[in-house]
Amino acid sequence: MIFAELRYVGHYDDRHDQLVALLTKEFADIQSGHQGDSWIWVCADEQKVSIDTFSAMTHQIKAEQASALVARVIEVLSQEFKVEVFAQPELESHEEARIEPASPYGSDR
């Protein structure tokens, strides 16, 4: 599910290293890659949040479900970027329609 999208001027290639540096300051388990597309995984407490450009020309914040980790990643990214948080999470093309909470915090907050 897509919870938010970053807004910035320029190409996503130019933002990858900046995003990785920002997230590395706040989270211990970061994995990333940059070849054609940009992708970053933030992992904590058996959860994973992806920040990638696989389905858009800007970075999108994605996860299997709403959680405190999604909300924290959005909060951290908001320190340096404009982040458009969607009122309702958007489904990726490979996901089935299902009802989820509108808030990126989910029900575990």
PDB file of N, CA and C in Angstrom:
ATOM      1  N   MET A   1       0.831  -1.168   0.000  1.00  0.00           N
ATOM      2  CA  MET A   1       0.000   0.000   0.000  1.00  0.00           C
ATOM      3  C   MET A   1       0.883   1.242   0.000  1.00  0.00           C
ATOM      4  N   ILE A   2       0.422   2.244  -0.702  1.00  0.00           N
ATOM      5  CA  ILE A   2       1.171   3.497  -0.796  1.00  0.00           C
ATOM      6  C   ILE A   2       0.528   4.496   0.157  1.00  0.00           C
ATOM      7  N   PHE A   3       1.297   4.969   1.125  1.00  0.00           N
ATOM      8  CA  PHE A   3       0.778   5.878   2.144  1.00  0.00           C
ATOM      9  C   PHE A   3       1.083   7.338   1.857  1.00  0.00           C
ATOM     10  N   ALA A   4       2.153   7.586   1.125  1.00  0.00           N
ATOM     11  CA  ALA A   4       2.554   8.971   0.887  1.00  0.00           C
ATOM     12  C   ALA A   4       3.522   9.029  -0.283  1.00  0.00           C
ATOM     13  N   GLU A   5       3.729  10.256  -0.755  1.00  0.00           N
ATOM     14  CA  GLU A   5       4.652  10.488  -1.858  1.00  0.00           C
ATOM     15  C   GLU A   5       5.448  11.749  -1.575  1.00  0.00           C
ATOM     16  N   LEU A   6       6.735  11.682  -1.843  1.00  0.00           N
ATOM     17  CA  LEU A   6       7.581  12.862  -1.647  1.00  0.00           C
ATOM     18  C   LEU A   6       7.402  13.823  -2.817  1.00  0.00           C
ATOM     19  N   ARG A   7       7.475  15.117  -2.510  1.00  0.00           N
ATOM     20  CA  ARG A   7       7.400  16.164  -3.530  1.00  0.00           C
ATOM     21  C   ARG A   7       8.723  16.910  -3.530  1.00  0.00           C
ATOM     22  N   TYR A   8       9.388  16.948  -4.662  1.00  0.00           N
ATOM     23  CA  TYR A   8      10.649  17.664  -4.774  1.00  0.00           C
ATOM     24  C   TYR A   8      10.872  18.058  -6.228  1.00  0.00           C
ATOM     25  N   VAL A   9      11.748  19.024  -6.413  1.00  0.00           N
ATOM     26  CA  VAL A   9      12.121  19.482  -7.743  1.00  0.00           C
ATOM     27  C   VAL A   9      13.292  18.633  -8.216  1.00  0.00           C
ATOM     28  N   GLY A  10      13.278  18.250  -9.460  1.00  0.00           N
ATOM     29  CA  GLY A  10      14.381  17.477 -10.013  1.00  0.00           C
ATOM     30  C   GLY A  10      14.051  15.997 -10.116  1.00  0.00           C
ATOM     31  N   HIS A  11      15.046  15.252 -10.522  1.00  0.00           N
ATOM     32  CA  HIS A  11      14.900  13.816 -10.756  1.00  0.00           C
ATOM     33  C   HIS A  11      15.162  13.034  -9.473  1.00  0.00           C
ATOM     34  N   TYR A  12      14.492  11.902  -9.325  1.00  0.00           N
ATOM     35  CA  TYR A  12      14.665  11.090  -8.114  1.00  0.00           C
ATOM     36  C   TYR A  12      16.094  10.597  -7.934  1.00  0.00           C
ATOM     37  N   ASP A  13      16.841  10.434  -9.015  1.00  0.00           N
ATOM     38  CA  ASP A  13      18.248  10.031  -8.894  1.00  0.00           C
ATOM     39  C   ASP A  13      19.027  10.970  -7.981  1.00  0.00           C
ATOM     40  N   ASP A  14      18.679  12.250  -8.068  1.00  0.00           N
ATOM     41  CA  ASP A  14      19.390  13.263  -7.295  1.00  0.00           C
ATOM     42  C   ASP A  14      19.030  13.256  -5.815  1.00  0.00           C
ATOM     43  N   ARG A  15      18.022  12.523  -5.419  1.00  0.00           N
ATOM     44  CA  ARG A  15      17.550  12.514  -4.031  1.00  0.00           C
ATOM     45  C   ARG A  15      17.921  11.246  -3.267  1.00  0.00           C
ATOM     46  N   HIS A  16      18.331  10.209  -3.970  1.00  0.00           N
ATOM     47  CA  HIS A  16      18.565   8.910  -3.327  1.00  0.00           C
ATOM     48  C   HIS A  16      19.544   9.006  -2.155  1.00  0.00           C
ATOM     49  N   ASP A  17      20.730   9.540  -2.396  1.00  0.00           N
ATOM     50  CA  ASP A  17      21.751   9.598  -1.338  1.00  0.00           C
ATOM     51  C   ASP A  17      21.298  10.464  -0.164  1.00  0.00           C
ATOM     52  N   GLN A  18      20.598  11.545  -0.450  1.00  0.00           N
ATOM     53  CA  GLN A  18      20.078  12.420   0.608  1.00  0.00           C
ATOM     54  C   GLN A  18      19.061  11.681   1.476  1.00  0.00           C
ATOM     55  N   LEU A  19      18.198  10.915   0.851  1.00  0.00           N
ATOM     56  CA  LEU A  19      17.208  10.130   1.594  1.00  0.00           C
ATOM     57  C   LEU A  19      17.884   9.075   2.467  1.00  0.00           C
ATOM     58  N   VAL A  20      18.832   8.353   1.898  1.00  0.00           N
ATOM     59  CA  VAL A  20      19.536   7.314   2.653  1.00  0.00           C
ATOM     60  C   VAL A  20      20.248   7.940   3.858  1.00  0.00           C
ATOM     61  N   ALA A  21      20.916   9.060   3.655  1.00  0.00           N
ATOM     62  CA  ALA A  21      21.634   9.720   4.759  1.00  0.00           C
ATOM     63  C   ALA A  21      20.674  10.150   5.861  1.00  0.00           C
ATOM     64  N   LEU A  22      19.543  10.732   5.491  1.00  0.00           N
ATOM     65  CA  LEU A  22      18.561  11.174   6.480  1.00  0.00           C
ATOM     66  C   LEU A  22      18.005   9.992   7.268  1.00  0.00           C
ATOM     67  N   LEU A  23      17.626   8.937   6.580  1.00  0.00           N
ATOM     68  CA  LEU A  23      17.034   7.778   7.251  1.00  0.00           C
ATOM     69  C   LEU A  23      18.056   7.024   8.100  1.00  0.00           C
ATOM     70  N   THR A  24      19.302   6.993   7.674  1.00  0.00           N
ATOM     71  CA  THR A  24      20.356   6.314   8.427  1.00  0.00           C
ATOM     72  C   THR A  24      20.604   6.989   9.772  1.00  0.00           C
ATOM     73  N   LYS A  25      20.378   8.282   9.850  1.00  0.00           N
ATOM     74  CA  LYS A  25      20.527   8.999  11.125  1.00  0.00           C
ATOM     75  C   LYS A  25      19.483   8.568  12.143  1.00  0.00           C
ATOM     76  N   GLU A  26      18.332   8.123  11.679  1.00  0.00           N
ATOM     77  CA  GLU A  26      17.198   7.842  12.566  1.00  0.00           C
ATOM     78  C   GLU A  26      16.901   6.360  12.782  1.00  0.00           C
ATOM     79  N   PHE A  27      17.323   5.516  11.860  1.00  0.00           N
ATOM     80  CA  PHE A  27      16.968   4.101  11.927  1.00  0.00           C
ATOM     81  C   PHE A  27      18.226   3.237  11.817  1.00  0.00           C
ATOM     82  N   ALA A  28      18.263   2.149  12.566  1.00  0.00           N
ATOM     83  CA  ALA A  28      19.440   1.288  12.607  1.00  0.00           C
ATOM     84  C   ALA A  28      19.530   0.337  11.414  1.00  0.00           C
ATOM     85  N   ASP A  29      18.398  -0.126  10.918  1.00  0.00           N
ATOM     86  CA  ASP A  29      18.392  -1.142   9.861  1.00  0.00           C
ATOM     87  C   ASP A  29      17.869  -0.547   8.564  1.00  0.00           C
ATOM     88  N   ILE A  30      18.801  -0.109   7.712  1.00  0.00           N
ATOM     89  CA  ILE A  30      18.473   0.479   6.416  1.00  0.00           C
ATOM     90  C   ILE A  30      19.157  -0.343   5.332  1.00  0.00           C
ATOM     91  N   GLN A  31      18.401  -0.689   4.300  1.00  0.00           N
ATOM     92  CA  GLN A  31      18.968  -1.319   3.114  1.00  0.00           C
ATOM     93  C   GLN A  31      18.562  -0.458   1.933  1.00  0.00           C
ATOM     94  N   SER A  32      19.433  -0.340   0.943  1.00  0.00           N
ATOM     95  CA  SER A  32      19.082   0.504  -0.200  1.00  0.00           C
ATOM     96  C   SER A  32      19.828   0.078  -1.442  1.00  0.00           C
ATOM     97  N   GLY A  33      19.309   0.548  -2.565  1.00  0.00           N
ATOM     98  CA  GLY A  33      19.950   0.305  -3.842  1.00  0.00           C
ATOM     99  C   GLY A  33      19.506   1.356  -4.839  1.00  0.00           C
ATOM    100  N   HIS A  34      20.305   1.493  -5.881  1.00  0.00           N
ATOM    101  CA  HIS A  34      20.003   2.528  -6.863  1.00  0.00           C
ATOM    102  C   HIS A  34      20.572   2.097  -8.198  1.00  0.00           C
ATOM    103  N   GLN A  35      19.715   1.524  -9.010  1.00  0.00           N
ATOM    104  CA  GLN A  35      20.101   1.141 -10.356  1.00  0.00           C
ATOM    105  C   GLN A  35      18.840   1.210 -11.204  1.00  0.00           C
ATOM    106  N   GLY A  36      18.702   2.240 -11.962  1.00  0.00           N
ATOM    107  CA  GLY A  36      17.463   2.470 -12.703  1.00  0.00           C
ATOM    108  C   GLY A  36      16.428   3.109 -11.799  1.00  0.00           C
ATOM    109  N   ASP A  37      15.985   2.394 -10.805  1.00  0.00           N
ATOM    110  CA  ASP A  37      15.084   2.915  -9.777  1.00  0.00           C
ATOM    111  C   ASP A  37      15.849   3.086  -8.476  1.00  0.00           C
ATOM    112  N   SER A  38      15.244   3.844  -7.587  1.00  0.00           N
ATOM    113  CA  SER A  38      15.791   4.052  -6.249  1.00  0.00           C
ATOM    114  C   SER A  38      14.911   3.280  -5.268  1.00  0.00           C
ATOM    115  N   TRP A  39      15.529   2.548  -4.351  1.00  0.00           N
ATOM    116  CA  TRP A  39      14.749   1.861  -3.319  1.00  0.00           C
ATOM    117  C   TRP A  39      15.497   1.896  -1.992  1.00  0.00           C
ATOM    118  N   ILE A  40      14.709   2.041  -0.934  1.00  0.00           N
ATOM    119  CA  ILE A  40      15.233   2.068   0.429  1.00  0.00           C
ATOM    120  C   ILE A  40      14.267   1.281   1.300  1.00  0.00           C
ATOM    121  N   TRP A  41      14.800   0.411   2.142  1.00  0.00           N
ATOM    122  CA  TRP A  41      13.985  -0.314   3.109  1.00  0.00           C
ATOM    123  C   TRP A  41      14.373   0.135   4.506  1.00  0.00           C
ATOM    124  N   VAL A  42      13.370   0.454   5.297  1.00  0.00           N
ATOM    125  CA  VAL A  42      13.551   0.749   6.718  1.00  0.00           C
ATOM    126  C   VAL A  42      12.903  -0.413   7.462  1.00  0.00           C
ATOM    127  N   CYS A  43      13.691  -1.123   8.256  1.00  0.00           N
ATOM    128  CA  CYS A  43      13.183  -2.299   8.964  1.00  0.00           C
ATOM    129  C   CYS A  43      13.308  -2.099  10.473  1.00  0.00           C
ATOM    130  N   ALA A  44      12.254  -2.469  11.191  1.00  0.00           N
ATOM    131  CA  ALA A  44      12.256  -2.399  12.655  1.00  0.00           C
ATOM    132  C   ALA A  44      11.104  -3.245  13.181  1.00  0.00           C
ATOM    133  N   ASP A  45      11.354  -3.939  14.270  1.00  0.00           N
ATOM    134  CA  ASP A  45      10.305  -4.724  14.935  1.00  0.00           C
ATOM    135  C   ASP A  45       9.538  -5.619  13.967  1.00  0.00           C
ATOM    136  N   GLU A  46      10.271  -6.317  13.121  1.00  0.00           N
ATOM    137  CA  GLU A  46       9.704  -7.248  12.145  1.00  0.00           C
ATOM    138  C   GLU A  46       8.757  -6.569  11.154  1.00  0.00           C
ATOM    139  N   GLN A  47       8.925  -5.278  10.952  1.00  0.00           N
ATOM    140  CA  GLN A  47       8.155  -4.523   9.969  1.00  0.00           C
ATOM    141  C   GLN A  47       9.116  -3.938   8.947  1.00  0.00           C
ATOM    142  N   LYS A  48       8.592  -3.633   7.768  1.00  0.00           N
ATOM    143  CA  LYS A  48       9.407  -3.017   6.728  1.00  0.00           C
ATOM    144  C   LYS A  48       8.601  -1.922   6.049  1.00  0.00           C
ATOM    145  N   VAL A  49       9.237  -0.764   5.885  1.00  0.00           N
ATOM    146  CA  VAL A  49       8.670   0.328   5.103  1.00  0.00           C
ATOM    147  C   VAL A  49       9.594   0.535   3.913  1.00  0.00           C
ATOM    148  N   SER A  50       9.022   0.623   2.738  1.00  0.00           N
ATOM    149  CA  SER A  50       9.787   0.846   1.515  1.00  0.00           C
ATOM    150  C   SER A  50       9.594   2.282   1.054  1.00  0.00           C
ATOM    151  N   ILE A  51      10.661   2.876   0.611  1.00  0.00           N
ATOM    152  CA  ILE A  51      10.610   4.181  -0.033  1.00  0.00           C
ATOM    153  C   ILE A  51      11.235   3.933  -1.395  1.00  0.00           C
ATOM    154  N   ASP A  52      10.418   3.982  -2.456  1.00  0.00           N
ATOM    155  CA  ASP A  52      10.964   3.610  -3.762  1.00  0.00           C
ATOM    156  C   ASP A  52      10.301   4.368  -4.902  1.00  0.00           C
ATOM    157  N   THR A  53      10.881   4.166  -6.089  1.00  0.00           N
ATOM    158  CA  THR A  53      10.363   4.791  -7.303  1.00  0.00           C
ATOM    159  C   THR A  53       9.913   3.735  -8.307  1.00  0.00           C
ATOM    160  N   PHE A  54       9.541   2.556  -7.833  1.00  0.00           N
ATOM    161  CA  PHE A  54       9.172   1.465  -8.734  1.00  0.00           C
ATOM    162  C   PHE A  54       7.922   1.769  -9.557  1.00  0.00           C
ATOM    163  N   SER A  55       6.988   2.529  -9.008  1.00  0.00           N
ATOM    164  CA  SER A  55       5.733   2.781  -9.724  1.00  0.00           C
ATOM    165  C   SER A  55       5.429   4.265  -9.898  1.00  0.00           C
ATOM    166  N   ALA A  56       6.440   5.121  -9.719  1.00  0.00           N
ATOM    167  CA  ALA A  56       6.242   6.563  -9.887  1.00  0.00           C
ATOM    168  C   ALA A  56       7.587   7.214 -10.181  1.00  0.00           C
ATOM    169  N   MET A  57       7.539   8.462 -10.600  1.00  0.00           N
ATOM    170  CA  MET A  57       8.764   9.204 -10.888  1.00  0.00           C
ATOM    171  C   MET A  57       9.256   9.997  -9.681  1.00  0.00           C
ATOM    172  N   THR A  58       8.588   9.821  -8.548  1.00  0.00           N
ATOM    173  CA  THR A  58       9.052  10.364  -7.272  1.00  0.00           C
ATOM    174  C   THR A  58       8.993   9.235  -6.252  1.00  0.00           C
ATOM    175  N   HIS A  59       9.660   9.415  -5.131  1.00  0.00           N
ATOM    176  CA  HIS A  59       9.679   8.379  -4.098  1.00  0.00           C
ATOM    177  C   HIS A  59       8.319   8.261  -3.424  1.00  0.00           C
ATOM    178  N   GLN A  60       7.877   7.032  -3.268  1.00  0.00           N
ATOM    179  CA  GLN A  60       6.628   6.733  -2.563  1.00  0.00           C
ATOM    180  C   GLN A  60       6.943   5.935  -1.307  1.00  0.00           C
ATOM    181  N   ILE A  61       6.143   6.156  -0.270  1.00  0.00           N
ATOM    182  CA  ILE A  61       6.308   5.457   1.008  1.00  0.00           C
ATOM    183  C   ILE A  61       5.275   4.340   1.053  1.00  0.00           C
ATOM    184  N   LYS A  62       5.762   3.106   1.198  1.00  0.00           N
ATOM    185  CA  LYS A  62       4.904   1.927   1.069  1.00  0.00           C
ATOM    186  C   LYS A  62       5.135   0.952   2.213  1.00  0.00           C
ATOM    187  N   ALA A  63       4.089   0.198   2.533  1.00  0.00           N
ATOM    188  CA  ALA A  63       4.196  -0.873   3.520  1.00  0.00           C
ATOM    189  C   ALA A  63       3.014  -1.819   3.336  1.00  0.00           C
ATOM    190  N   GLU A  64       3.118  -2.977   3.945  1.00  0.00           N
ATOM    191  CA  GLU A  64       2.029  -3.955   3.874  1.00  0.00           C
ATOM    192  C   GLU A  64       0.777  -3.448   4.575  1.00  0.00           C
ATOM    193  N   GLN A  65       0.983  -2.691   5.670  1.00  0.00           N
ATOM    194  CA  GLN A  65      -0.148  -2.161   6.432  1.00  0.00           C
ATOM    195  C   GLN A  65       0.291  -0.921   7.191  1.00  0.00           C
ATOM    196  N   ALA A  66      -0.682  -0.153   7.626  1.00  0.00           N
ATOM    197  CA  ALA A  66      -0.402   1.040   8.424  1.00  0.00           C
ATOM    198  C   ALA A  66       0.249   0.631   9.743  1.00  0.00           C
ATOM    199  N   SER A  67       1.184   1.465  10.212  1.00  0.00           N
ATOM    200  CA  SER A  67       1.869   1.140  11.467  1.00  0.00           C
ATOM    201  C   SER A  67       2.553   2.381  12.014  1.00  0.00           C
ATOM    202  N   ALA A  68       3.030   2.254  13.234  1.00  0.00           N
ATOM    203  CA  ALA A  68       3.808   3.335  13.837  1.00  0.00           C
ATOM    204  C   ALA A  68       5.104   3.560  13.060  1.00  0.00           C
ATOM    205  N   LEU A  69       5.672   2.509  12.471  1.00  0.00           N
ATOM    206  CA  LEU A  69       6.898   2.667  11.687  1.00  0.00           C
ATOM    207  C   LEU A  69       6.632   3.501  10.434  1.00  0.00           C
ATOM    208  N   VAL A  70       5.525   3.268   9.764  1.00  0.00           N
ATOM    209  CA  VAL A  70       5.166   4.088   8.598  1.00  0.00           C
ATOM    210  C   VAL A  70       5.069   5.550   9.020  1.00  0.00           C
ATOM    211  N   ALA A  71       4.371   5.802  10.107  1.00  0.00           N
ATOM    212  CA  ALA A  71       4.200   7.174  10.594  1.00  0.00           C
ATOM    213  C   ALA A  71       5.536   7.807  10.953  1.00  0.00           C
ATOM    214  N   ARG A  72       6.435   7.042  11.568  1.00  0.00           N
ATOM    215  CA  ARG A  72       7.742   7.575  11.959  1.00  0.00           C
ATOM    216  C   ARG A  72       8.600   7.885  10.728  1.00  0.00           C
ATOM    217  N   VAL A  73       8.563   7.023   9.728  1.00  0.00           N
ATOM    218  CA  VAL A  73       9.307   7.277   8.492  1.00  0.00           C
ATOM    219  C   VAL A  73       8.795   8.558   7.837  1.00  0.00           C
ATOM    220  N   ILE A  74       7.488   8.726   7.783  1.00  0.00           N
ATOM    221  CA  ILE A  74       6.906   9.949   7.221  1.00  0.00           C
ATOM    222  C   ILE A  74       7.355  11.166   8.020  1.00  0.00           C
ATOM    223  N   GLU A  75       7.338  11.048   9.328  1.00  0.00           N
ATOM    224  CA  GLU A  75       7.765  12.154  10.195  1.00  0.00           C
ATOM    225  C   GLU A  75       9.227  12.533   9.921  1.00  0.00           C
ATOM    226  N   VAL A  76      10.092  11.549   9.827  1.00  0.00           N
ATOM    227  CA  VAL A  76      11.515  11.810   9.583  1.00  0.00           C
ATOM    228  C   VAL A  76      11.712  12.450   8.210  1.00  0.00           C
ATOM    229  N   LEU A  77      11.074  11.908   7.203  1.00  0.00           N
ATOM    230  CA  LEU A  77      11.234  12.461   5.857  1.00  0.00           C
ATOM    231  C   LEU A  77      10.685  13.884   5.762  1.00  0.00           C
ATOM    232  N   SER A  78       9.669  14.174   6.553  1.00  0.00           N
ATOM    233  CA  SER A  78       9.072  15.519   6.557  1.00  0.00           C
ATOM    234  C   SER A  78      10.031  16.584   7.084  1.00  0.00           C
ATOM    235  N   GLN A  79      11.085  16.172   7.755  1.00  0.00           N
ATOM    236  CA  GLN A  79      12.074  17.126   8.257  1.00  0.00           C
ATOM    237  C   GLN A  79      12.797  17.835   7.111  1.00  0.00           C
ATOM    238  N   GLU A  80      12.964  17.148   5.990  1.00  0.00           N
ATOM    239  CA  GLU A  80      13.710  17.732   4.873  1.00  0.00           C
ATOM    240  C   GLU A  80      12.952  17.761   3.551  1.00  0.00           C
ATOM    241  N   PHE A  81      11.810  17.104   3.497  1.00  0.00           N
ATOM    242  CA  PHE A  81      11.062  17.020   2.250  1.00  0.00           C
ATOM    243  C   PHE A  81       9.593  17.353   2.481  1.00  0.00           C
ATOM    244  N   LYS A  82       8.956  17.814   1.426  1.00  0.00           N
ATOM    245  CA  LYS A  82       7.496  17.936   1.448  1.00  0.00           C
ATOM    246  C   LYS A  82       6.950  16.536   1.195  1.00  0.00           C
ATOM    247  N   VAL A  83       6.077  16.087   2.077  1.00  0.00           N
ATOM    248  CA  VAL A  83       5.510  14.744   1.971  1.00  0.00           C
ATOM    249  C   VAL A  83       3.997  14.876   1.852  1.00  0.00           C
ATOM    250  N   GLU A  84       3.459  14.344   0.771  1.00  0.00           N
ATOM    251  CA  GLU A  84       2.012  14.317   0.590  1.00  0.00           C
ATOM    252  C   GLU A  84       1.499  12.993   1.137  1.00  0.00           C
ATOM    253  N   VAL A  85       0.812  13.066   2.275  1.00  0.00           N
ATOM    254  CA  VAL A  85       0.237  11.861   2.892  1.00  0.00           C
ATOM    255  C   VAL A  85      -1.170  11.699   2.332  1.00  0.00           C
ATOM    256  N   PHE A  86      -1.459  10.524   1.812  1.00  0.00           N
ATOM    257  CA  PHE A  86      -2.758  10.262   1.213  1.00  0.00           C
ATOM    258  C   PHE A  86      -3.822  10.046   2.294  1.00  0.00           C
ATOM    259  N   ALA A  87      -5.008  10.601   2.089  1.00  0.00           N
ATOM    260  CA  ALA A  87      -6.110  10.428   3.037  1.00  0.00           C
ATOM    261  C   ALA A  87      -6.467   8.945   3.171  1.00  0.00           C
ATOM    262  N   GLN A  88      -6.427   8.235   2.074  1.00  0.00           N
ATOM    263  CA  GLN A  88      -6.614   6.779   2.062  1.00  0.00           C
ATOM    264  C   GLN A  88      -5.404   6.188   1.361  1.00  0.00           C
ATOM    265  N   PRO A  89      -4.794   5.163   1.907  1.00  0.00           N
ATOM    266  CA  PRO A  89      -3.668   4.531   1.215  1.00  0.00           C
ATOM    267  C   PRO A  89      -4.101   4.039  -0.168  1.00  0.00           C
ATOM    268  N   GLU A  90      -3.209   4.153  -1.122  1.00  0.00           N
ATOM    269  CA  GLU A  90      -3.484   3.675  -2.473  1.00  0.00           C
ATOM    270  C   GLU A  90      -2.907   2.279  -2.633  1.00  0.00           C
ATOM    271  N   LEU A  91      -3.627   1.457  -3.351  1.00  0.00           N
ATOM    272  CA  LEU A  91      -3.144   0.104  -3.602  1.00  0.00           C
ATOM    273  C   LEU A  91      -2.141   0.116  -4.744  1.00  0.00           C
ATOM    274  N   GLU A  92      -1.128  -0.710  -4.613  1.00  0.00           N
ATOM    275  CA  GLU A  92      -0.212  -0.926  -5.728  1.00  0.00           C
ATOM    276  C   GLU A  92      -0.887  -1.878  -6.703  1.00  0.00           C
ATOM    277  N   SER A  93      -0.399  -1.917  -7.919  1.00  0.00           N
ATOM    278  CA  SER A  93      -1.049  -2.715  -8.960  1.00  0.00           C
ATOM    279  C   SER A  93      -1.137  -4.203  -8.611  1.00  0.00           C
ATOM    280  N   HIS A  94      -0.244  -4.708  -7.790  1.00  0.00           N
ATOM    281  CA  HIS A  94      -0.237  -6.137  -7.449  1.00  0.00           C
ATOM    282  C   HIS A  94      -1.074  -6.470  -6.207  1.00  0.00           C
ATOM    283  N   GLU A  95      -1.680  -5.469  -5.591  1.00  0.00           N
ATOM    284  CA  GLU A  95      -2.435  -5.697  -4.364  1.00  0.00           C
ATOM    285  C   GLU A  95      -3.930  -5.834  -4.642  1.00  0.00           C
ATOM    286  N   GLU A  96      -4.590  -6.652  -3.839  1.00  0.00           N
ATOM    287  CA  GLU A  96      -6.038  -6.791  -3.909  1.00  0.00           C
ATOM    288  C   GLU A  96      -6.687  -5.669  -3.121  1.00  0.00           C
ATOM    289  N   ALA A  97      -7.898  -5.321  -3.490  1.00  0.00           N
ATOM    290  CA  ALA A  97      -8.630  -4.304  -2.736  1.00  0.00           C
ATOM    291  C   ALA A  97      -8.960  -4.856  -1.352  1.00  0.00           C
ATOM    292  N   ARG A  98      -8.681  -4.043  -0.326  1.00  0.00           N
ATOM    293  CA  ARG A  98      -9.011  -4.416   1.043  1.00  0.00           C
ATOM    294  C   ARG A  98      -9.185  -3.135   1.842  1.00  0.00           C
ATOM    295  N   ILE A  99      -9.907  -3.208   2.900  1.00  0.00           N
ATOM    296  CA  ILE A  99     -10.181  -2.028   3.713  1.00  0.00           C
ATOM    297  C   ILE A  99      -9.065  -1.869   4.726  1.00  0.00           C
ATOM    298  N   GLU A 100      -8.486  -0.667   4.793  1.00  0.00           N
ATOM    299  CA  GLU A 100      -7.417  -0.359   5.730  1.00  0.00           C
ATOM    300  C   GLU A 100      -7.732   0.975   6.396  1.00  0.00           C
ATOM    301  N   PRO A 101      -7.172   1.211   7.571  1.00  0.00           N
ATOM    302  CA  PRO A 101      -7.377   2.511   8.203  1.00  0.00           C
ATOM    303  C   PRO A 101      -6.777   3.629   7.358  1.00  0.00           C
ATOM    304  N   ALA A 102      -7.395   4.789   7.405  1.00  0.00           N
ATOM    305  CA  ALA A 102      -6.946   5.930   6.616  1.00  0.00           C
ATOM    306  C   ALA A 102      -5.633   6.499   7.158  1.00  0.00           C
ATOM    307  N   SER A 103      -5.406   6.347   8.433  1.00  0.00           N
ATOM    308  CA  SER A 103      -4.226   6.933   9.058  1.00  0.00           C
ATOM    309  C   SER A 103      -3.000   6.055   8.841  1.00  0.00           C
ATOM    310  N   PRO A 104      -1.825   6.658   8.565  1.00  0.00           N
ATOM    311  CA  PRO A 104      -0.620   5.840   8.460  1.00  0.00           C
ATOM    312  C   PRO A 104      -0.228   5.211   9.786  1.00  0.00           C
ATOM    313  N   TYR A 105      -0.844   5.660  10.883  1.00  0.00           N
ATOM    314  CA  TYR A 105      -0.521   5.114  12.204  1.00  0.00           C
ATOM    315  C   TYR A 105      -1.169   3.754  12.428  1.00  0.00           C
ATOM    316  N   GLY A 106      -2.216   3.447  11.705  1.00  0.00           N
ATOM    317  CA  GLY A 106      -2.902   2.173  11.855  1.00  0.00           C
ATOM    318  C   GLY A 106      -3.558   2.069  13.213  1.00  0.00           C
ATOM    319  N   SER A 107      -3.831   0.875  13.607  1.00  0.00           N
ATOM    320  CA  SER A 107      -4.512   0.661  14.880  1.00  0.00           C
ATOM    321  C   SER A 107      -3.548   0.340  16.005  1.00  0.00           C
ATOM    322  N   ASP A 108      -2.238   0.330  15.744  1.00  0.00           N
ATOM    323  CA  ASP A 108      -1.277  -0.013  16.799  1.00  0.00           C
ATOM    324  C   ASP A 108      -0.767   1.210  17.551  1.00  0.00           C
ATOM    325  N   ARG A 109      -1.378   2.334  17.319  1.00  0.00           N
ATOM    326  CA  ARG A 109      -0.930   3.545  18.007  1.00  0.00           C
ATOM    327  C   ARG A 109      -1.729   3.763  19.248  1.00  0.00           C
TER     328      ARG A 109
END
